[in-house]
Amino acid sequence: MPAANQRQVVTAFLADHGIARLAELRAAGASAAIVSRMEHAGEIVRLLEAY
């Protein structure tokens, strides 16, 4: 799947669900690399577990 389409998948998934695990985004059709690139570009924010 082209990167532009994967970005749209991530954007649509997050718009519908608000928050997601990487596994959920991958199951929806986005690669881990695209999610990482979107994070580095500031398009999405990764939340970390607090202990």
PDB file of N, CA and C in Angstrom:
ATOM      1  N   MET A   1       0.850  -1.175   0.000  1.00  0.00           N
ATOM      2  CA  MET A   1       0.000   0.000   0.000  1.00  0.00           C
ATOM      3  C   MET A   1       0.897   1.241   0.000  1.00  0.00           C
ATOM      4  N   PRO A   2       0.623   2.216  -0.856  1.00  0.00           N
ATOM      5  CA  PRO A   2       1.437   3.432  -0.894  1.00  0.00           C
ATOM      6  C   PRO A   2       1.396   4.194   0.435  1.00  0.00           C
ATOM      7  N   ALA A   3       2.468   4.926   0.704  1.00  0.00           N
ATOM      8  CA  ALA A   3       2.585   5.652   1.968  1.00  0.00           C
ATOM      9  C   ALA A   3       1.446   6.642   2.179  1.00  0.00           C
ATOM     10  N   ALA A   4       1.013   7.326   1.122  1.00  0.00           N
ATOM     11  CA  ALA A   4      -0.074   8.301   1.263  1.00  0.00           C
ATOM     12  C   ALA A   4      -1.341   7.611   1.753  1.00  0.00           C
ATOM     13  N   ASN A   5      -1.636   6.432   1.224  1.00  0.00           N
ATOM     14  CA  ASN A   5      -2.819   5.699   1.661  1.00  0.00           C
ATOM     15  C   ASN A   5      -2.681   5.218   3.098  1.00  0.00           C
ATOM     16  N   GLN A   6      -1.480   4.804   3.483  1.00  0.00           N
ATOM     17  CA  GLN A   6      -1.256   4.365   4.855  1.00  0.00           C
ATOM     18  C   GLN A   6      -1.417   5.523   5.825  1.00  0.00           C
ATOM     19  N   ARG A   7      -0.959   6.698   5.446  1.00  0.00           N
ATOM     20  CA  ARG A   7      -1.160   7.882   6.284  1.00  0.00           C
ATOM     21  C   ARG A   7      -2.645   8.168   6.450  1.00  0.00           C
ATOM     22  N   GLN A   8      -3.411   8.000   5.381  1.00  0.00           N
ATOM     23  CA  GLN A   8      -4.858   8.208   5.450  1.00  0.00           C
ATOM     24  C   GLN A   8      -5.501   7.169   6.364  1.00  0.00           C
ATOM     25  N   VAL A   9      -5.021   5.940   6.319  1.00  0.00           N
ATOM     26  CA  VAL A   9      -5.531   4.884   7.197  1.00  0.00           C
ATOM     27  C   VAL A   9      -5.309   5.269   8.660  1.00  0.00           C
ATOM     28  N   VAL A  10      -4.092   5.702   8.978  1.00  0.00           N
ATOM     29  CA  VAL A  10      -3.774   6.093  10.359  1.00  0.00           C
ATOM     30  C   VAL A  10      -4.633   7.272  10.781  1.00  0.00           C
ATOM     31  N   THR A  11      -4.725   8.284   9.940  1.00  0.00           N
ATOM     32  CA  THR A  11      -5.508   9.476  10.263  1.00  0.00           C
ATOM     33  C   THR A  11      -6.972   9.132  10.482  1.00  0.00           C
ATOM     34  N   ALA A  12      -7.541   8.326   9.602  1.00  0.00           N
ATOM     35  CA  ALA A  12      -8.953   7.943   9.726  1.00  0.00           C
ATOM     36  C   ALA A  12      -9.182   7.087  10.973  1.00  0.00           C
ATOM     37  N   PHE A  13      -8.270   6.144  11.226  1.00  0.00           N
ATOM     38  CA  PHE A  13      -8.416   5.271  12.387  1.00  0.00           C
ATOM     39  C   PHE A  13      -8.387   6.096  13.672  1.00  0.00           C
ATOM     40  N   LEU A  14      -7.431   7.016  13.767  1.00  0.00           N
ATOM     41  CA  LEU A  14      -7.321   7.831  14.975  1.00  0.00           C
ATOM     42  C   LEU A  14      -8.489   8.804  15.103  1.00  0.00           C
ATOM     43  N   ALA A  15      -9.009   9.285  13.985  1.00  0.00           N
ATOM     44  CA  ALA A  15     -10.181  10.164  14.033  1.00  0.00           C
ATOM     45  C   ALA A  15     -11.393   9.414  14.587  1.00  0.00           C
ATOM     46  N   ASP A  16     -11.502   8.138  14.226  1.00  0.00           N
ATOM     47  CA  ASP A  16     -12.634   7.331  14.696  1.00  0.00           C
ATOM     48  C   ASP A  16     -12.461   6.844  16.130  1.00  0.00           C
ATOM     49  N   HIS A  17     -11.223   6.478  16.502  1.00  0.00           N
ATOM     50  CA  HIS A  17     -10.992   5.846  17.800  1.00  0.00           C
ATOM     51  C   HIS A  17     -10.316   6.752  18.822  1.00  0.00           C
ATOM     52  N   GLY A  18      -9.648   7.790  18.373  1.00  0.00           N
ATOM     53  CA  GLY A  18      -8.995   8.725  19.282  1.00  0.00           C
ATOM     54  C   GLY A  18      -7.617   8.287  19.752  1.00  0.00           C
ATOM     55  N   ILE A  19      -7.473   7.020  20.040  1.00  0.00           N
ATOM     56  CA  ILE A  19      -6.200   6.494  20.532  1.00  0.00           C
ATOM     57  C   ILE A  19      -6.079   5.046  20.028  1.00  0.00           C
ATOM     58  N   ALA A  20      -4.863   4.596  19.791  1.00  0.00           N
ATOM     59  CA  ALA A  20      -4.683   3.240  19.261  1.00  0.00           C
ATOM     60  C   ALA A  20      -3.301   2.715  19.598  1.00  0.00           C
ATOM     61  N   ARG A  21      -3.221   1.419  19.676  1.00  0.00           N
ATOM     62  CA  ARG A  21      -1.929   0.750  19.802  1.00  0.00           C
ATOM     63  C   ARG A  21      -1.358   0.545  18.402  1.00  0.00           C
ATOM     64  N   LEU A  22      -0.053   0.397  18.337  1.00  0.00           N
ATOM     65  CA  LEU A  22       0.596   0.140  17.053  1.00  0.00           C
ATOM     66  C   LEU A  22       0.010  -1.105  16.400  1.00  0.00           C
ATOM     67  N   ALA A  23      -0.252  -2.130  17.168  1.00  0.00           N
ATOM     68  CA  ALA A  23      -0.813  -3.373  16.618  1.00  0.00           C
ATOM     69  C   ALA A  23      -2.158  -3.113  15.945  1.00  0.00           C
ATOM     70  N   GLU A  24      -2.957  -2.227  16.509  1.00  0.00           N
ATOM     71  CA  GLU A  24      -4.258  -1.897  15.917  1.00  0.00           C
ATOM     72  C   GLU A  24      -4.081  -1.144  14.607  1.00  0.00           C
ATOM     73  N   LEU A  25      -3.119  -0.235  14.562  1.00  0.00           N
ATOM     74  CA  LEU A  25      -2.855   0.514  13.328  1.00  0.00           C
ATOM     75  C   LEU A  25      -2.314  -0.419  12.252  1.00  0.00           C
ATOM     76  N   ARG A  26      -1.461  -1.360  12.641  1.00  0.00           N
ATOM     77  CA  ARG A  26      -0.936  -2.332  11.676  1.00  0.00           C
ATOM     78  C   ARG A  26      -2.046  -3.222  11.150  1.00  0.00           C
ATOM     79  N   ALA A  27      -2.957  -3.633  12.016  1.00  0.00           N
ATOM     80  CA  ALA A  27      -4.086  -4.470  11.589  1.00  0.00           C
ATOM     81  C   ALA A  27      -5.004  -3.709  10.638  1.00  0.00           C
ATOM     82  N   ALA A  28      -5.044  -2.382  10.787  1.00  0.00           N
ATOM     83  CA  ALA A  28      -5.875  -1.547   9.918  1.00  0.00           C
ATOM     84  C   ALA A  28      -5.225  -1.317   8.556  1.00  0.00           C
ATOM     85  N   GLY A  29      -3.928  -1.655   8.432  1.00  0.00           N
ATOM     86  CA  GLY A  29      -3.263  -1.549   7.133  1.00  0.00           C
ATOM     87  C   GLY A  29      -2.092  -0.596   7.061  1.00  0.00           C
ATOM     88  N   ALA A  30      -1.654  -0.069   8.191  1.00  0.00           N
ATOM     89  CA  ALA A  30      -0.511   0.845   8.205  1.00  0.00           C
ATOM     90  C   ALA A  30       0.737   0.106   8.679  1.00  0.00           C
ATOM     91  N   SER A  31       1.878   0.427   8.092  1.00  0.00           N
ATOM     92  CA  SER A  31       3.125  -0.206   8.527  1.00  0.00           C
ATOM     93  C   SER A  31       3.689   0.534   9.739  1.00  0.00           C
ATOM     94  N   ALA A  32       4.524  -0.163  10.483  1.00  0.00           N
ATOM     95  CA  ALA A  32       5.174   0.456  11.640  1.00  0.00           C
ATOM     96  C   ALA A  32       6.061   1.614  11.196  1.00  0.00           C
ATOM     97  N   ALA A  33       6.662   1.498  10.013  1.00  0.00           N
ATOM     98  CA  ALA A  33       7.525   2.560   9.506  1.00  0.00           C
ATOM     99  C   ALA A  33       6.738   3.850   9.264  1.00  0.00           C
ATOM    100  N   ILE A  34       5.535   3.734   8.704  1.00  0.00           N
ATOM    101  CA  ILE A  34       4.714   4.923   8.447  1.00  0.00           C
ATOM    102  C   ILE A  34       4.326   5.580   9.764  1.00  0.00           C
ATOM    103  N   VAL A  35       3.949   4.761  10.746  1.00  0.00           N
ATOM    104  CA  VAL A  35       3.577   5.317  12.057  1.00  0.00           C
ATOM    105  C   VAL A  35       4.770   6.051  12.665  1.00  0.00           C
ATOM    106  N   SER A  36       5.953   5.472  12.556  1.00  0.00           N
ATOM    107  CA  SER A  36       7.160   6.114  13.071  1.00  0.00           C
ATOM    108  C   SER A  36       7.441   7.425  12.340  1.00  0.00           C
ATOM    109  N   ARG A  37       7.315   7.416  11.021  1.00  0.00           N
ATOM    110  CA  ARG A  37       7.541   8.639  10.245  1.00  0.00           C
ATOM    111  C   ARG A  37       6.541   9.725  10.614  1.00  0.00           C
ATOM    112  N   MET A  38       5.300   9.337  10.815  1.00  0.00           N
ATOM    113  CA  MET A  38       4.274  10.309  11.196  1.00  0.00           C
ATOM    114  C   MET A  38       4.575  10.892  12.577  1.00  0.00           C
ATOM    115  N   GLU A  39       5.081  10.060  13.472  1.00  0.00           N
ATOM    116  CA  GLU A  39       5.459  10.544  14.808  1.00  0.00           C
ATOM    117  C   GLU A  39       6.609  11.546  14.706  1.00  0.00           C
ATOM    118  N   HIS A  40       7.634  11.219  13.942  1.00  0.00           N
ATOM    119  CA  HIS A  40       8.788  12.109  13.793  1.00  0.00           C
ATOM    120  C   HIS A  40       8.416  13.412  13.093  1.00  0.00           C
ATOM    121  N   ALA A  41       7.415  13.372  12.224  1.00  0.00           N
ATOM    122  CA  ALA A  41       6.958  14.573  11.518  1.00  0.00           C
ATOM    123  C   ALA A  41       6.008  15.413  12.369  1.00  0.00           C
ATOM    124  N   GLY A  42       5.621  14.898  13.536  1.00  0.00           N
ATOM    125  CA  GLY A  42       4.718  15.636  14.413  1.00  0.00           C
ATOM    126  C   GLY A  42       3.251  15.495  14.030  1.00  0.00           C
ATOM    127  N   GLU A  43       2.939  14.553  13.145  1.00  0.00           N
ATOM    128  CA  GLU A  43       1.554  14.351  12.717  1.00  0.00           C
ATOM    129  C   GLU A  43       0.746  13.602  13.766  1.00  0.00           C
ATOM    130  N   ILE A  44       1.409  12.744  14.528  1.00  0.00           N
ATOM    131  CA  ILE A  44       0.766  12.024  15.626  1.00  0.00           C
ATOM    132  C   ILE A  44       1.693  12.075  16.835  1.00  0.00           C
ATOM    133  N   VAL A  45       1.156  11.771  17.989  1.00  0.00           N
ATOM    134  CA  VAL A  45       1.930  11.787  19.234  1.00  0.00           C
ATOM    135  C   VAL A  45       1.877  10.406  19.852  1.00  0.00           C
ATOM    136  N   ARG A  46       3.021   9.906  20.245  1.00  0.00           N
ATOM    137  CA  ARG A  46       3.080   8.610  20.927  1.00  0.00           C
ATOM    138  C   ARG A  46       2.987   8.847  22.420  1.00  0.00           C
ATOM    139  N   LEU A  47       2.066   8.143  23.045  1.00  0.00           N
ATOM    140  CA  LEU A  47       1.918   8.211  24.487  1.00  0.00           C
ATOM    141  C   LEU A  47       2.662   7.046  25.100  1.00  0.00           C
ATOM    142  N   LEU A  48       3.359   7.304  26.175  1.00  0.00           N
ATOM    143  CA  LEU A  48       4.118   6.264  26.857  1.00  0.00           C
ATOM    144  C   LEU A  48       3.436   5.901  28.168  1.00  0.00           C
ATOM    145  N   GLU A  49       3.652   4.664  28.608  1.00  0.00           N
ATOM    146  CA  GLU A  49       3.086   4.224  29.867  1.00  0.00           C
ATOM    147  C   GLU A  49       3.754   4.975  31.017  1.00  0.00           C
ATOM    148  N   ALA A  50       2.958   5.341  32.001  1.00  0.00           N
ATOM    149  CA  ALA A  50       3.494   5.958  33.206  1.00  0.00           C
ATOM    150  C   ALA A  50       3.512   4.903  34.312  1.00  0.00           C
ATOM    151  N   TYR A  51       4.596   4.875  35.050  1.00  0.00           N
ATOM    152  CA  TYR A  51       4.706   3.879  36.119  1.00  0.00           C
ATOM    153  C   TYR A  51       4.550   4.546  37.451  1.00  0.00           C
TER     154      TYR A  51
END
